[in-house]
PDB file of all heavy atoms in Angstrom:
ATOM      1  N   THR A   1       0.814  -1.203   0.003  1.00  0.00           N
ATOM      2  CA  THR A   1      -0.005   0.010  -0.012  1.00  0.00           C
ATOM      3  C   THR A   1       0.885   1.249   0.022  1.00  0.00           C
ATOM      4  O   THR A   1       0.575   2.211  -0.704  1.00  0.00           O
ATOM      5  CB  THR A   1      -0.939  -0.017   1.235  1.00  0.00           C
ATOM      6  OG1 THR A   1      -1.971  -0.984   1.029  1.00  0.00           O
ATOM      7  CG2 THR A   1      -1.599   1.339   1.417  1.00  0.00           C
ATOM      8  N   ILE A   2       1.923   1.244   0.784  1.00  0.00           N
ATOM      9  CA  ILE A   2       2.853   2.395   0.813  1.00  0.00           C
ATOM     10  C   ILE A   2       3.401   2.665  -0.608  1.00  0.00           C
ATOM     11  O   ILE A   2       3.381   3.807  -1.091  1.00  0.00           O
ATOM     12  CB  ILE A   2       4.007   2.130   1.789  1.00  0.00           C
ATOM     13  CG1 ILE A   2       3.523   2.108   3.236  1.00  0.00           C
ATOM     14  CG2 ILE A   2       5.142   3.182   1.620  1.00  0.00           C
ATOM     15  CD1 ILE A   2       3.154   3.446   3.800  1.00  0.00           C
ATOM     16  N   GLU A   3       3.833   1.636  -1.295  1.00  0.00           N
ATOM     17  CA  GLU A   3       4.414   1.781  -2.605  1.00  0.00           C
ATOM     18  C   GLU A   3       3.354   2.245  -3.607  1.00  0.00           C
ATOM     19  O   GLU A   3       3.618   3.120  -4.423  1.00  0.00           O
ATOM     20  CB  GLU A   3       4.996   0.425  -3.075  1.00  0.00           C
ATOM     21  CG  GLU A   3       6.189  -0.038  -2.252  1.00  0.00           C
ATOM     22  CD  GLU A   3       6.606  -1.452  -2.587  1.00  0.00           C
ATOM     23  OE1 GLU A   3       5.964  -2.068  -3.432  1.00  0.00           O
ATOM     24  OE2 GLU A   3       7.630  -1.910  -1.997  1.00  0.00           O
ATOM     25  N   ARG A   4       2.180   1.659  -3.522  1.00  0.00           N
ATOM     26  CA  ARG A   4       1.099   2.068  -4.409  1.00  0.00           C
ATOM     27  C   ARG A   4       0.690   3.506  -4.219  1.00  0.00           C
ATOM     28  O   ARG A   4       0.489   4.266  -5.195  1.00  0.00           O
ATOM     29  CB  ARG A   4      -0.137   1.176  -4.225  1.00  0.00           C
ATOM     30  CG  ARG A   4      -1.296   1.524  -5.132  1.00  0.00           C
ATOM     31  CD  ARG A   4      -2.518   0.681  -4.836  1.00  0.00           C
ATOM     32  NE  ARG A   4      -3.588   0.908  -5.808  1.00  0.00           N
ATOM     33  CZ  ARG A   4      -4.450   1.897  -5.722  1.00  0.00           C
ATOM     34  NH1 ARG A   4      -4.390   2.765  -4.688  1.00  0.00           N
ATOM     35  NH2 ARG A   4      -5.427   2.033  -6.617  1.00  0.00           N
ATOM     36  N   GLU A   5       0.543   3.955  -2.985  1.00  0.00           N
ATOM     37  CA  GLU A   5       0.115   5.317  -2.678  1.00  0.00           C
ATOM     38  C   GLU A   5       1.183   6.329  -3.141  1.00  0.00           C
ATOM     39  O   GLU A   5       0.853   7.408  -3.620  1.00  0.00           O
ATOM     40  CB  GLU A   5      -0.164   5.471  -1.196  1.00  0.00           C
ATOM     41  CG  GLU A   5      -1.476   4.791  -0.773  1.00  0.00           C
ATOM     42  CD  GLU A   5      -2.675   5.304  -1.557  1.00  0.00           C
ATOM     43  OE1 GLU A   5      -3.022   6.483  -1.417  1.00  0.00           O
ATOM     44  OE2 GLU A   5      -3.249   4.518  -2.345  1.00  0.00           O
ATOM     45  N   ARG A   6       2.437   5.995  -2.986  1.00  0.00           N
ATOM     46  CA  ARG A   6       3.500   6.875  -3.407  1.00  0.00           C
ATOM     47  C   ARG A   6       3.432   7.051  -4.918  1.00  0.00           C
ATOM     48  O   ARG A   6       3.564   8.180  -5.444  1.00  0.00           O
ATOM     49  CB  ARG A   6       4.875   6.315  -2.984  1.00  0.00           C
ATOM     50  CG  ARG A   6       6.041   7.208  -3.367  1.00  0.00           C
ATOM     51  CD  ARG A   6       7.349   6.639  -2.960  1.00  0.00           C
ATOM     52  NE  ARG A   6       7.514   6.660  -1.519  1.00  0.00           N
ATOM     53  CZ  ARG A   6       7.550   5.598  -0.751  1.00  0.00           C
ATOM     54  NH1 ARG A   6       7.428   4.385  -1.271  1.00  0.00           N
ATOM     55  NH2 ARG A   6       7.699   5.681   0.556  1.00  0.00           N
ATOM     56  N   GLU A   7       3.214   5.955  -5.672  1.00  0.00           N
ATOM     57  CA  GLU A   7       3.085   6.038  -7.102  1.00  0.00           C
ATOM     58  C   GLU A   7       1.821   6.771  -7.530  1.00  0.00           C
ATOM     59  O   GLU A   7       1.792   7.561  -8.492  1.00  0.00           O
ATOM     60  CB  GLU A   7       3.115   4.669  -7.725  1.00  0.00           C
ATOM     61  CG  GLU A   7       4.456   3.935  -7.535  1.00  0.00           C
ATOM     62  CD  GLU A   7       4.408   2.524  -8.072  1.00  0.00           C
ATOM     63  OE1 GLU A   7       3.358   2.112  -8.566  1.00  0.00           O
ATOM     64  OE2 GLU A   7       5.431   1.819  -7.954  1.00  0.00           O
ATOM     65  N   ARG A   8       0.733   6.513  -6.820  1.00  0.00           N
ATOM     66  CA  ARG A   8      -0.610   7.057  -7.209  1.00  0.00           C
ATOM     67  C   ARG A   8      -0.675   8.558  -6.967  1.00  0.00           C
ATOM     68  O   ARG A   8      -1.291   9.284  -7.771  1.00  0.00           O
ATOM     69  CB  ARG A   8      -1.696   6.353  -6.424  1.00  0.00           C
ATOM     70  CG  ARG A   8      -3.130   6.733  -6.807  1.00  0.00           C
ATOM     71  CD  ARG A   8      -4.137   6.023  -5.950  1.00  0.00           C
ATOM     72  NE  ARG A   8      -4.134   6.530  -4.551  1.00  0.00           N
ATOM     73  CZ  ARG A   8      -4.786   7.588  -4.124  1.00  0.00           C
ATOM     74  NH1 ARG A   8      -5.521   8.313  -4.989  1.00  0.00           N
ATOM     75  NH2 ARG A   8      -4.723   7.964  -2.873  1.00  0.00           N
ATOM     76  N   THR A   9      -0.101   9.016  -5.865  1.00  0.00           N
ATOM     77  CA  THR A   9      -0.295  10.432  -5.482  1.00  0.00           C
ATOM     78  C   THR A   9       0.929  11.300  -5.686  1.00  0.00           C
ATOM     79  O   THR A   9       0.813  12.531  -5.677  1.00  0.00           O
ATOM     80  CB  THR A   9      -0.682  10.507  -3.977  1.00  0.00           C
ATOM     81  OG1 THR A   9       0.458  10.097  -3.205  1.00  0.00           O
ATOM     82  CG2 THR A   9      -1.870   9.626  -3.688  1.00  0.00           C
ATOM     83  N   GLY A  10       2.109  10.682  -5.818  1.00  0.00           N
ATOM     84  CA  GLY A  10       3.359  11.472  -5.902  1.00  0.00           C
ATOM     85  C   GLY A  10       3.726  12.039  -4.559  1.00  0.00           C
ATOM     86  O   GLY A  10       4.711  12.820  -4.455  1.00  0.00           O
ATOM     87  N   GLN A  11       3.074  11.586  -3.492  1.00  0.00           N
ATOM     88  CA  GLN A  11       3.390  12.011  -2.123  1.00  0.00           C
ATOM     89  C   GLN A  11       3.907  10.813  -1.312  1.00  0.00           C
ATOM     90  O   GLN A  11       3.615   9.678  -1.655  1.00  0.00           O
ATOM     91  CB  GLN A  11       2.134  12.584  -1.420  1.00  0.00           C
ATOM     92  CG  GLN A  11       1.475  13.740  -2.187  1.00  0.00           C
ATOM     93  CD  GLN A  11       2.322  14.998  -2.113  1.00  0.00           C
ATOM     94  OE1 GLN A  11       2.917  15.294  -1.095  1.00  0.00           O
ATOM     95  NE2 GLN A  11       2.367  15.768  -3.196  1.00  0.00           N
ATOM     96  N   ALA A  12       4.655  11.084  -0.257  1.00  0.00           N
ATOM     97  CA  ALA A  12       5.125  10.054   0.622  1.00  0.00           C
ATOM     98  C   ALA A  12       4.141   9.792   1.730  1.00  0.00           C
ATOM     99  O   ALA A  12       3.956  10.646   2.590  1.00  0.00           O
ATOM    100  CB  ALA A  12       6.476  10.424   1.201  1.00  0.00           C
ATOM    101  N   PRO A  13       3.461   8.644   1.715  1.00  0.00           N
ATOM    102  CA  PRO A  13       2.504   8.337   2.795  1.00  0.00           C
ATOM    103  C   PRO A  13       3.178   8.043   4.082  1.00  0.00           C
ATOM    104  O   PRO A  13       4.357   7.712   4.161  1.00  0.00           O
ATOM    105  CB  PRO A  13       1.725   7.144   2.258  1.00  0.00           C
ATOM    106  CG  PRO A  13       2.744   6.463   1.330  1.00  0.00           C
ATOM    107  CD  PRO A  13       3.563   7.549   0.745  1.00  0.00           C
ATOM    108  N   GLU A  14       2.417   8.154   5.165  1.00  0.00           N
ATOM    109  CA  GLU A  14       2.940   7.849   6.506  1.00  0.00           C
ATOM    110  C   GLU A  14       2.506   6.448   6.910  1.00  0.00           C
ATOM    111  O   GLU A  14       1.333   6.105   6.854  1.00  0.00           O
ATOM    112  CB  GLU A  14       2.407   8.860   7.519  1.00  0.00           C
ATOM    113  CG  GLU A  14       2.798  10.270   7.295  1.00  0.00           C
ATOM    114  CD  GLU A  14       2.222  11.227   8.327  1.00  0.00           C
ATOM    115  OE1 GLU A  14       2.172  10.801   9.503  1.00  0.00           O
ATOM    116  OE2 GLU A  14       1.821  12.325   7.922  1.00  0.00           O
ATOM    117  N   TRP A  15       3.499   5.643   7.341  1.00  0.00           N
ATOM    118  CA  TRP A  15       3.190   4.272   7.779  1.00  0.00           C
ATOM    119  C   TRP A  15       2.899   4.310   9.258  1.00  0.00           C
ATOM    120  O   TRP A  15       3.739   4.086  10.118  1.00  0.00           O
ATOM    121  CB  TRP A  15       4.415   3.403   7.489  1.00  0.00           C
ATOM    122  CG  TRP A  15       4.128   1.920   7.495  1.00  0.00           C
ATOM    123  CD1 TRP A  15       3.040   1.295   8.014  1.00  0.00           C
ATOM    124  CD2 TRP A  15       5.012   0.912   6.995  1.00  0.00           C
ATOM    125  NE1 TRP A  15       3.159  -0.076   7.847  1.00  0.00           N
ATOM    126  CE2 TRP A  15       4.367  -0.317   7.223  1.00  0.00           C
ATOM    127  CE3 TRP A  15       6.247   0.884   6.372  1.00  0.00           C
ATOM    128  CZ2 TRP A  15       4.920  -1.537   6.850  1.00  0.00           C
ATOM    129  CZ3 TRP A  15       6.817  -0.298   6.010  1.00  0.00           C
ATOM    130  CH2 TRP A  15       6.164  -1.494   6.226  1.00  0.00           C
ATOM    131  N   LYS A  16       1.649   4.552   9.604  1.00  0.00           N
ATOM    132  CA  LYS A  16       1.259   4.809  10.994  1.00  0.00           C
ATOM    133  C   LYS A  16       1.334   3.578  11.879  1.00  0.00           C
ATOM    134  O   LYS A  16       1.698   3.686  13.039  1.00  0.00           O
ATOM    135  CB  LYS A  16      -0.153   5.366  11.037  1.00  0.00           C
ATOM    136  CG  LYS A  16      -0.377   6.641  10.187  1.00  0.00           C
ATOM    137  CD  LYS A  16       0.378   7.820  10.740  1.00  0.00           C
ATOM    138  CE  LYS A  16      -0.264   8.360  11.999  1.00  0.00           C
ATOM    139  NZ  LYS A  16       0.362   9.620  12.450  1.00  0.00           N
ATOM    140  N   SER A  17       0.981   2.397  11.338  1.00  0.00           N
ATOM    141  CA  SER A  17       0.852   1.231  12.183  1.00  0.00           C
ATOM    142  C   SER A  17       2.154   0.719  12.798  1.00  0.00           C
ATOM    143  O   SER A  17       2.159  -0.047  13.741  1.00  0.00           O
ATOM    144  CB  SER A  17       0.189   0.070  11.384  1.00  0.00           C
ATOM    145  OG  SER A  17       0.993  -0.293  10.315  1.00  0.00           O
ATOM    146  N   ILE A  18       3.302   1.086  12.166  1.00  0.00           N
ATOM    147  CA  ILE A  18       4.553   0.643  12.759  1.00  0.00           C
ATOM    148  C   ILE A  18       4.928   1.423  13.995  1.00  0.00           C
ATOM    149  O   ILE A  18       5.870   1.065  14.719  1.00  0.00           O
ATOM    150  CB  ILE A  18       5.723   0.670  11.708  1.00  0.00           C
ATOM    151  CG1 ILE A  18       6.015   2.109  11.254  1.00  0.00           C
ATOM    152  CG2 ILE A  18       5.414  -0.236  10.534  1.00  0.00           C
ATOM    153  CD1 ILE A  18       7.220   2.200  10.379  1.00  0.00           C
ATOM    154  N   TYR A  19       4.233   2.533  14.244  1.00  0.00           N
ATOM    155  CA  TYR A  19       4.484   3.335  15.445  1.00  0.00           C
ATOM    156  C   TYR A  19       3.442   3.112  16.537  1.00  0.00           C
ATOM    157  O   TYR A  19       3.744   3.160  17.700  1.00  0.00           O
ATOM    158  CB  TYR A  19       4.554   4.819  15.087  1.00  0.00           C
ATOM    159  CG  TYR A  19       5.681   5.136  14.136  1.00  0.00           C
ATOM    160  CD1 TYR A  19       5.430   5.372  12.799  1.00  0.00           C
ATOM    161  CD2 TYR A  19       6.992   5.227  14.569  1.00  0.00           C
ATOM    162  CE1 TYR A  19       6.451   5.663  11.904  1.00  0.00           C
ATOM    163  CE2 TYR A  19       8.043   5.518  13.738  1.00  0.00           C
ATOM    164  CZ  TYR A  19       7.762   5.749  12.388  1.00  0.00           C
ATOM    165  OH  TYR A  19       8.774   6.008  11.512  1.00  0.00           O
ATOM    166  N   SER A  20       2.216   2.857  16.079  1.00  0.00           N
ATOM    167  CA  SER A  20       1.121   2.657  17.065  1.00  0.00           C
ATOM    168  C   SER A  20      -0.046   1.948  16.364  1.00  0.00           C
ATOM    169  O   SER A  20      -0.288   2.169  15.182  1.00  0.00           O
ATOM    170  CB  SER A  20       0.660   4.002  17.627  1.00  0.00           C
ATOM    171  OG  SER A  20      -0.503   3.848  18.435  1.00  0.00           O
ATOM    172  N   ASP A  21      -0.786   1.151  17.151  1.00  0.00           N
ATOM    173  CA  ASP A  21      -1.983   0.501  16.634  1.00  0.00           C
ATOM    174  C   ASP A  21      -3.239   1.194  17.133  1.00  0.00           C
ATOM    175  O   ASP A  21      -4.355   0.679  17.009  1.00  0.00           O
ATOM    176  CB  ASP A  21      -1.984  -0.985  17.017  1.00  0.00           C
ATOM    177  CG  ASP A  21      -2.044  -1.208  18.504  1.00  0.00           C
ATOM    178  OD1 ASP A  21      -1.973  -0.230  19.278  1.00  0.00           O
ATOM    179  OD2 ASP A  21      -2.125  -2.378  18.927  1.00  0.00           O
ATOM    180  N   ALA A  22      -3.072   2.388  17.732  1.00  0.00           N
ATOM    181  CA  ALA A  22      -4.193   3.093  18.341  1.00  0.00           C
ATOM    182  C   ALA A  22      -4.894   4.032  17.399  1.00  0.00           C
ATOM    183  O   ALA A  22      -5.971   4.552  17.741  1.00  0.00           O
ATOM    184  CB  ALA A  22      -3.720   3.841  19.565  1.00  0.00           C
ATOM    185  N   ASP A  23      -4.349   4.276  16.194  1.00  0.00           N
ATOM    186  CA  ASP A  23      -4.920   5.272  15.291  1.00  0.00           C
ATOM    187  C   ASP A  23      -6.192   4.800  14.614  1.00  0.00           C
ATOM    188  O   ASP A  23      -7.020   5.607  14.205  1.00  0.00           O
ATOM    189  CB  ASP A  23      -3.904   5.691  14.249  1.00  0.00           C
ATOM    190  CG  ASP A  23      -2.729   6.481  14.842  1.00  0.00           C
ATOM    191  OD1 ASP A  23      -3.011   7.440  15.581  1.00  0.00           O
ATOM    192  OD2 ASP A  23      -1.586   6.113  14.537  1.00  0.00           O
ATOM    193  N   GLY A  24      -6.327   3.465  14.487  1.00  0.00           N
ATOM    194  CA  GLY A  24      -7.523   2.952  13.813  1.00  0.00           C
ATOM    195  C   GLY A  24      -7.346   2.847  12.305  1.00  0.00           C
ATOM    196  O   GLY A  24      -8.323   2.619  11.572  1.00  0.00           O
ATOM    197  N   PHE A  25      -6.128   3.013  11.808  1.00  0.00           N
ATOM    198  CA  PHE A  25      -5.817   2.799  10.387  1.00  0.00           C
ATOM    199  C   PHE A  25      -4.320   2.596  10.311  1.00  0.00           C
ATOM    200  O   PHE A  25      -3.570   2.853  11.252  1.00  0.00           O
ATOM    201  CB  PHE A  25      -6.251   3.997   9.538  1.00  0.00           C
ATOM    202  CG  PHE A  25      -5.706   5.332   9.997  1.00  0.00           C
ATOM    203  CD1 PHE A  25      -4.508   5.818   9.472  1.00  0.00           C
ATOM    204  CD2 PHE A  25      -6.402   6.103  10.904  1.00  0.00           C
ATOM    205  CE1 PHE A  25      -3.991   7.050   9.917  1.00  0.00           C
ATOM    206  CE2 PHE A  25      -5.908   7.312  11.344  1.00  0.00           C
ATOM    207  CZ  PHE A  25      -4.692   7.777  10.860  1.00  0.00           C
ATOM    208  N   ASP A  26      -3.850   2.091   9.131  1.00  0.00           N
ATOM    209  CA  ASP A  26      -2.444   1.716   8.986  1.00  0.00           C
ATOM    210  C   ASP A  26      -1.597   2.728   8.256  1.00  0.00           C
ATOM    211  O   ASP A  26      -0.441   2.911   8.574  1.00  0.00           O
ATOM    212  CB  ASP A  26      -2.346   0.355   8.261  1.00  0.00           C
ATOM    213  CG  ASP A  26      -3.034  -0.751   9.042  1.00  0.00           C
ATOM    214  OD1 ASP A  26      -2.744  -0.860  10.268  1.00  0.00           O
ATOM    215  OD2 ASP A  26      -3.831  -1.501   8.458  1.00  0.00           O
ATOM    216  N   VAL A  27      -2.184   3.330   7.253  1.00  0.00           N
ATOM    217  CA  VAL A  27      -1.412   4.220   6.373  1.00  0.00           C
ATOM    218  C   VAL A  27      -2.173   5.551   6.202  1.00  0.00           C
ATOM    219  O   VAL A  27      -3.407   5.537   6.031  1.00  0.00           O
ATOM    220  CB  VAL A  27      -1.168   3.599   4.981  1.00  0.00           C
ATOM    221  CG1 VAL A  27      -0.493   4.589   4.051  1.00  0.00           C
ATOM    222  CG2 VAL A  27      -0.350   2.336   5.110  1.00  0.00           C
ATOM    223  N   LEU A  28      -1.442   6.651   6.294  1.00  0.00           N
ATOM    224  CA  LEU A  28      -2.049   7.975   6.110  1.00  0.00           C
ATOM    225  C   LEU A  28      -1.507   8.510   4.804  1.00  0.00           C
ATOM    226  O   LEU A  28      -0.323   8.780   4.658  1.00  0.00           O
ATOM    227  CB  LEU A  28      -1.714   8.909   7.241  1.00  0.00           C
ATOM    228  CG  LEU A  28      -2.369  10.269   7.238  1.00  0.00           C
ATOM    229  CD1 LEU A  28      -3.890  10.142   7.322  1.00  0.00           C
ATOM    230  CD2 LEU A  28      -1.903  11.134   8.438  1.00  0.00           C
ATOM    231  N   SER A  29      -2.411   8.681   3.826  1.00  0.00           N
ATOM    232  CA  SER A  29      -2.040   9.129   2.491  1.00  0.00           C
ATOM    233  C   SER A  29      -2.816  10.426   2.189  1.00  0.00           C
ATOM    234  O   SER A  29      -3.283  11.091   3.119  1.00  0.00           O
ATOM    235  CB  SER A  29      -2.304   8.048   1.452  1.00  0.00           C
ATOM    236  OG  SER A  29      -1.858   8.380   0.170  1.00  0.00           O
ATOM    237  N   VAL A  30      -2.974  10.704   0.917  1.00  0.00           N
ATOM    238  CA  VAL A  30      -3.805  11.867   0.479  1.00  0.00           C
ATOM    239  C   VAL A  30      -4.785  11.347  -0.529  1.00  0.00           C
ATOM    240  O   VAL A  30      -4.595  10.292  -1.143  1.00  0.00           O
ATOM    241  CB  VAL A  30      -2.952  13.016  -0.093  1.00  0.00           C
ATOM    242  CG1 VAL A  30      -2.075  13.606   0.989  1.00  0.00           C
ATOM    243  CG2 VAL A  30      -2.137  12.552  -1.275  1.00  0.00           C
ATOM    244  N   VAL A  31      -5.880  12.144  -0.760  1.00  0.00           N
ATOM    245  CA  VAL A  31      -6.944  11.676  -1.660  1.00  0.00           C
ATOM    246  C   VAL A  31      -6.410  11.445  -3.068  1.00  0.00           C
ATOM    247  O   VAL A  31      -6.618  10.389  -3.668  1.00  0.00           O
ATOM    248  CB  VAL A  31      -8.072  12.702  -1.659  1.00  0.00           C
ATOM    249  CG1 VAL A  31      -9.104  12.359  -2.752  1.00  0.00           C
ATOM    250  CG2 VAL A  31      -8.762  12.743  -0.294  1.00  0.00           C
ATOM    251  N   ASP A  32      -5.645  12.402  -3.616  1.00  0.00           N
ATOM    252  CA  ASP A  32      -4.985  12.190  -4.921  1.00  0.00           C
ATOM    253  C   ASP A  32      -3.962  13.294  -5.117  1.00  0.00           C
ATOM    254  O   ASP A  32      -3.715  14.102  -4.216  1.00  0.00           O
ATOM    255  CB  ASP A  32      -6.006  12.151  -6.076  1.00  0.00           C
ATOM    256  CG  ASP A  32      -6.881  13.418  -6.165  1.00  0.00           C
ATOM    257  OD1 ASP A  32      -6.351  14.537  -6.040  1.00  0.00           O
ATOM    258  OD2 ASP A  32      -8.089  13.284  -6.385  1.00  0.00           O
ATOM    259  N   ALA A  33      -3.371  13.315  -6.284  1.00  0.00           N
ATOM    260  CA  ALA A  33      -2.242  14.277  -6.544  1.00  0.00           C
ATOM    261  C   ALA A  33      -2.696  15.700  -6.487  1.00  0.00           C
ATOM    262  O   ALA A  33      -1.899  16.619  -6.225  1.00  0.00           O
ATOM    263  CB  ALA A  33      -1.593  13.972  -7.893  1.00  0.00           C
ATOM    264  N   THR A  34      -4.003  15.994  -6.725  1.00  0.00           N
ATOM    265  CA  THR A  34      -4.501  17.351  -6.723  1.00  0.00           C
ATOM    266  C   THR A  34      -5.281  17.713  -5.477  1.00  0.00           C
ATOM    267  O   THR A  34      -5.503  18.885  -5.193  1.00  0.00           O
ATOM    268  CB  THR A  34      -5.430  17.576  -7.937  1.00  0.00           C
ATOM    269  OG1 THR A  34      -6.522  16.650  -7.899  1.00  0.00           O
ATOM    270  CG2 THR A  34      -4.632  17.335  -9.258  1.00  0.00           C
ATOM    271  N   ASP A  35      -5.714  16.697  -4.726  1.00  0.00           N
ATOM    272  CA  ASP A  35      -6.444  16.927  -3.499  1.00  0.00           C
ATOM    273  C   ASP A  35      -5.609  16.339  -2.367  1.00  0.00           C
ATOM    274  O   ASP A  35      -5.505  15.136  -2.177  1.00  0.00           O
ATOM    275  CB  ASP A  35      -7.808  16.234  -3.556  1.00  0.00           C
ATOM    276  CG  ASP A  35      -8.647  16.475  -2.304  1.00  0.00           C
ATOM    277  OD1 ASP A  35      -8.135  17.039  -1.325  1.00  0.00           O
ATOM    278  OD2 ASP A  35      -9.848  16.097  -2.326  1.00  0.00           O
ATOM    279  N   LEU A  36      -5.047  17.214  -1.563  1.00  0.00           N
ATOM    280  CA  LEU A  36      -4.118  16.763  -0.512  1.00  0.00           C
ATOM    281  C   LEU A  36      -4.802  16.534   0.829  1.00  0.00           C
ATOM    282  O   LEU A  36      -4.165  16.479   1.856  1.00  0.00           O
ATOM    283  CB  LEU A  36      -2.975  17.788  -0.321  1.00  0.00           C
ATOM    284  CG  LEU A  36      -2.119  18.017  -1.594  1.00  0.00           C
ATOM    285  CD1 LEU A  36      -0.967  18.970  -1.273  1.00  0.00           C
ATOM    286  CD2 LEU A  36      -1.614  16.698  -2.165  1.00  0.00           C
ATOM    287  N   SER A  37      -6.151  16.401   0.817  1.00  0.00           N
ATOM    288  CA  SER A  37      -6.885  16.016   1.999  1.00  0.00           C
ATOM    289  C   SER A  37      -6.367  14.657   2.467  1.00  0.00           C
ATOM    290  O   SER A  37      -6.101  13.755   1.661  1.00  0.00           O
ATOM    291  CB  SER A  37      -8.369  15.929   1.728  1.00  0.00           C
ATOM    292  OG  SER A  37      -8.873  17.161   1.242  1.00  0.00           O
ATOM    293  N   ARG A  38      -6.258  14.499   3.747  1.00  0.00           N
ATOM    294  CA  ARG A  38      -5.698  13.286   4.317  1.00  0.00           C
ATOM    295  C   ARG A  38      -6.645  12.107   4.148  1.00  0.00           C
ATOM    296  O   ARG A  38      -7.808  12.161   4.448  1.00  0.00           O
ATOM    297  CB  ARG A  38      -5.395  13.493   5.819  1.00  0.00           C
ATOM    298  CG  ARG A  38      -4.534  14.654   6.113  1.00  0.00           C
ATOM    299  CD  ARG A  38      -3.200  14.582   5.407  1.00  0.00           C
ATOM    300  NE  ARG A  38      -2.130  14.051   6.237  1.00  0.00           N
ATOM    301  CZ  ARG A  38      -0.933  13.672   5.776  1.00  0.00           C
ATOM    302  NH1 ARG A  38      -0.691  13.741   4.471  1.00  0.00           N
ATOM    303  NH2 ARG A  38      -0.026  13.221   6.595  1.00  0.00           N
ATOM    304  N   LEU A  39      -6.070  10.988   3.646  1.00  0.00           N
ATOM    305  CA  LEU A  39      -6.827   9.780   3.394  1.00  0.00           C
ATOM    306  C   LEU A  39      -6.308   8.685   4.327  1.00  0.00           C
ATOM    307  O   LEU A  39      -5.130   8.348   4.318  1.00  0.00           O
ATOM    308  CB  LEU A  39      -6.661   9.354   1.948  1.00  0.00           C
ATOM    309  CG  LEU A  39      -7.270   7.967   1.578  1.00  0.00           C
ATOM    310  CD1 LEU A  39      -8.784   8.037   1.698  1.00  0.00           C
ATOM    311  CD2 LEU A  39      -6.861   7.550   0.163  1.00  0.00           C
ATOM    312  N   ARG A  40      -7.201   8.156   5.115  1.00  0.00           N
ATOM    313  CA  ARG A  40      -6.854   7.097   6.070  1.00  0.00           C
ATOM    314  C   ARG A  40      -7.093   5.740   5.391  1.00  0.00           C
ATOM    315  O   ARG A  40      -8.173   5.510   4.829  1.00  0.00           O
ATOM    316  CB  ARG A  40      -7.657   7.191   7.358  1.00  0.00           C
ATOM    317  CG  ARG A  40      -7.301   8.459   8.149  1.00  0.00           C
ATOM    318  CD  ARG A  40      -8.424   8.990   8.955  1.00  0.00           C
ATOM    319  NE  ARG A  40      -8.050  10.171   9.725  1.00  0.00           N
ATOM    320  CZ  ARG A  40      -7.944  11.408   9.214  1.00  0.00           C
ATOM    321  NH1 ARG A  40      -8.228  11.610   7.927  1.00  0.00           N
ATOM    322  NH2 ARG A  40      -7.577  12.426   9.947  1.00  0.00           N
ATOM    323  N   ILE A  41      -6.087   4.842   5.453  1.00  0.00           N
ATOM    324  CA  ILE A  41      -6.202   3.556   4.781  1.00  0.00           C
ATOM    325  C   ILE A  41      -5.946   2.430   5.809  1.00  0.00           C
ATOM    326  O   ILE A  41      -4.929   2.389   6.461  1.00  0.00           O
ATOM    327  CB  ILE A  41      -5.173   3.429   3.640  1.00  0.00           C
ATOM    328  CG1 ILE A  41      -5.323   4.589   2.654  1.00  0.00           C
ATOM    329  CG2 ILE A  41      -5.355   2.056   2.938  1.00  0.00           C
ATOM    330  CD1 ILE A  41      -4.278   4.579   1.556  1.00  0.00           C
ATOM    331  N   GLU A  42      -6.922   1.578   5.940  1.00  0.00           N
ATOM    332  CA  GLU A  42      -6.770   0.349   6.741  1.00  0.00           C
ATOM    333  C   GLU A  42      -6.432  -0.799   5.789  1.00  0.00           C
ATOM    334  O   GLU A  42      -7.160  -1.031   4.803  1.00  0.00           O
ATOM    335  CB  GLU A  42      -8.072   0.020   7.493  1.00  0.00           C
ATOM    336  CG  GLU A  42      -8.026  -1.231   8.330  1.00  0.00           C
ATOM    337  CD  GLU A  42      -6.923  -1.224   9.380  1.00  0.00           C
ATOM    338  OE1 GLU A  42      -6.530  -0.125   9.862  1.00  0.00           O
ATOM    339  OE2 GLU A  42      -6.452  -2.327   9.741  1.00  0.00           O
TER     340      GLU A  42
END
């Protein structure tokens, strides 16, 4: 997912689950290359 999101958005996603399992999702990305709203991915 990290690799796919980096290719899809051109942004570096955050791998949240390796730091904590309390966030309720694993990867924090963005909606797309033009919309930088935060996208939570489980």
